[in-house]
Amino acid sequence: MGLVLILMMFTSITILGLIEKKRSRKRFQEAVRKLRELKDLTLTKAENK
């Protein structure tokens, strides 16, 4: 019984880690996209002056 609980804990921690990694990567890509938009926006403002 104890072995089953240990395996359940291990699999749940692993699955949660994979889910969190995917969420983290998605948040990172979103932040990079926003930074590029801001960079482009500031470059176009600088060119217009």
N, C-alpha and C. Protein backbone atom coordinates (compact mmCIF):
# COMPACT_ATOMS: atom_id res chain seq x y z
N MET A 1 0.82 -1.20 0.00
CA MET A 1 0.00 0.00 0.00
C MET A 1 0.87 1.27 0.00
N GLY A 2 1.93 1.23 0.79
CA GLY A 2 2.82 2.39 0.85
C GLY A 2 3.48 2.65 -0.49
N LEU A 3 3.83 1.58 -1.21
CA LEU A 3 4.48 1.73 -2.51
C LEU A 3 3.53 2.40 -3.51
N VAL A 4 2.27 2.06 -3.44
CA VAL A 4 1.27 2.67 -4.33
C VAL A 4 1.17 4.17 -4.04
N LEU A 5 1.16 4.55 -2.77
CA LEU A 5 1.08 5.97 -2.42
C LEU A 5 2.31 6.73 -2.90
N ILE A 6 3.48 6.10 -2.76
CA ILE A 6 4.72 6.74 -3.23
C ILE A 6 4.68 6.92 -4.74
N LEU A 7 4.23 5.90 -5.46
CA LEU A 7 4.13 6.02 -6.92
C LEU A 7 3.11 7.08 -7.33
N MET A 8 1.99 7.15 -6.61
CA MET A 8 0.99 8.18 -6.90
C MET A 8 1.56 9.58 -6.67
N MET A 9 2.29 9.75 -5.58
CA MET A 9 2.91 11.05 -5.30
C MET A 9 3.92 11.41 -6.39
N PHE A 10 4.75 10.45 -6.77
CA PHE A 10 5.77 10.69 -7.78
C PHE A 10 5.14 11.09 -9.11
N THR A 11 4.10 10.34 -9.53
CA THR A 11 3.46 10.67 -10.81
C THR A 11 2.75 12.01 -10.75
N SER A 12 2.11 12.32 -9.64
CA SER A 12 1.41 13.61 -9.56
C SER A 12 2.40 14.77 -9.57
N ILE A 13 3.51 14.62 -8.86
CA ILE A 13 4.52 15.68 -8.86
C ILE A 13 5.10 15.85 -10.26
N THR A 14 5.35 14.74 -10.95
CA THR A 14 5.89 14.81 -12.30
C THR A 14 4.92 15.48 -13.25
N ILE A 15 3.65 15.07 -13.18
CA ILE A 15 2.65 15.65 -14.08
C ILE A 15 2.46 17.14 -13.79
N LEU A 16 2.40 17.50 -12.52
CA LEU A 16 2.27 18.93 -12.17
C LEU A 16 3.48 19.72 -12.64
N GLY A 17 4.67 19.13 -12.55
CA GLY A 17 5.87 19.80 -13.03
C GLY A 17 5.82 20.05 -14.52
N LEU A 18 5.34 19.06 -15.27
CA LEU A 18 5.24 19.23 -16.72
C LEU A 18 4.20 20.29 -17.07
N ILE A 19 3.08 20.30 -16.36
CA ILE A 19 2.05 21.31 -16.62
C ILE A 19 2.59 22.70 -16.31
N GLU A 20 3.28 22.83 -15.18
CA GLU A 20 3.83 24.14 -14.80
C GLU A 20 4.89 24.60 -15.79
N LYS A 21 5.68 23.68 -16.30
CA LYS A 21 6.70 24.02 -17.30
C LYS A 21 6.04 24.57 -18.55
N LYS A 22 4.95 23.94 -18.97
CA LYS A 22 4.23 24.41 -20.16
C LYS A 22 3.63 25.79 -19.92
N ARG A 23 3.03 26.00 -18.74
CA ARG A 23 2.45 27.31 -18.41
C ARG A 23 3.53 28.38 -18.37
N SER A 24 4.68 28.03 -17.79
CA SER A 24 5.78 28.98 -17.67
C SER A 24 6.29 29.37 -19.06
N ARG A 25 6.42 28.39 -19.93
CA ARG A 25 6.90 28.68 -21.28
C ARG A 25 5.91 29.58 -22.00
N LYS A 26 4.61 29.36 -21.80
CA LYS A 26 3.59 30.17 -22.45
C LYS A 26 3.66 31.61 -21.93
N ARG A 27 3.82 31.77 -20.60
CA ARG A 27 3.93 33.12 -20.03
C ARG A 27 5.18 33.83 -20.54
N PHE A 28 6.28 33.09 -20.67
CA PHE A 28 7.52 33.67 -21.17
C PHE A 28 7.36 34.15 -22.61
N GLN A 29 6.76 33.33 -23.45
CA GLN A 29 6.55 33.72 -24.85
C GLN A 29 5.65 34.95 -24.94
N GLU A 30 4.64 35.00 -24.10
CA GLU A 30 3.75 36.17 -24.08
C GLU A 30 4.51 37.43 -23.67
N ALA A 31 5.38 37.31 -22.68
CA ALA A 31 6.18 38.47 -22.24
C ALA A 31 7.14 38.92 -23.33
N VAL A 32 7.75 37.98 -24.03
CA VAL A 32 8.66 38.33 -25.13
C VAL A 32 7.90 39.04 -26.23
N ARG A 33 6.68 38.56 -26.54
CA ARG A 33 5.87 39.20 -27.57
C ARG A 33 5.52 40.63 -27.17
N LYS A 34 5.16 40.83 -25.91
CA LYS A 34 4.81 42.18 -25.45
C LYS A 34 6.02 43.10 -25.49
N LEU A 35 7.19 42.58 -25.12
CA LEU A 35 8.40 43.41 -25.18
C LEU A 35 8.73 43.81 -26.61
N ARG A 36 8.55 42.88 -27.55
CA ARG A 36 8.81 43.22 -28.95
C ARG A 36 7.84 44.29 -29.43
N GLU A 37 6.58 44.18 -29.02
CA GLU A 37 5.61 45.19 -29.40
C GLU A 37 5.99 46.56 -28.84
N LEU A 38 6.41 46.59 -27.57
CA LEU A 38 6.83 47.85 -26.97
C LEU A 38 8.06 48.41 -27.67
N LYS A 39 8.99 47.53 -28.01
CA LYS A 39 10.21 47.97 -28.69
C LYS A 39 9.86 48.58 -30.05
N ASP A 40 9.00 47.90 -30.79
CA ASP A 40 8.60 48.42 -32.09
C ASP A 40 7.86 49.74 -31.95
N LEU A 41 7.02 49.84 -30.92
CA LEU A 41 6.26 51.06 -30.69
C LEU A 41 7.20 52.23 -30.37
N THR A 42 8.18 51.99 -29.52
CA THR A 42 9.11 53.07 -29.17
C THR A 42 10.00 53.44 -30.36
N LEU A 43 10.36 52.45 -31.19
CA LEU A 43 11.17 52.76 -32.37
C LEU A 43 10.38 53.61 -33.36
N THR A 44 9.12 53.30 -33.54
CA THR A 44 8.32 54.09 -34.47
C THR A 44 8.08 55.50 -33.92
N LYS A 45 7.92 55.63 -32.62
CA LYS A 45 7.77 56.98 -32.03
C LYS A 45 9.06 57.77 -32.20
N ALA A 46 10.20 57.12 -32.04
CA ALA A 46 11.49 57.81 -32.16
C ALA A 46 11.72 58.25 -33.61
N GLU A 47 11.27 57.44 -34.56
CA GLU A 47 11.46 57.79 -35.96
C GLU A 47 10.55 58.94 -36.38
N ASN A 48 9.38 59.03 -35.74
CA ASN A 48 8.43 60.08 -36.10
C ASN A 48 8.87 61.45 -35.59
N LYS A 49 9.71 61.51 -34.59
CA LYS A 49 10.12 62.80 -34.02
C LYS A 49 11.09 63.53 -34.87
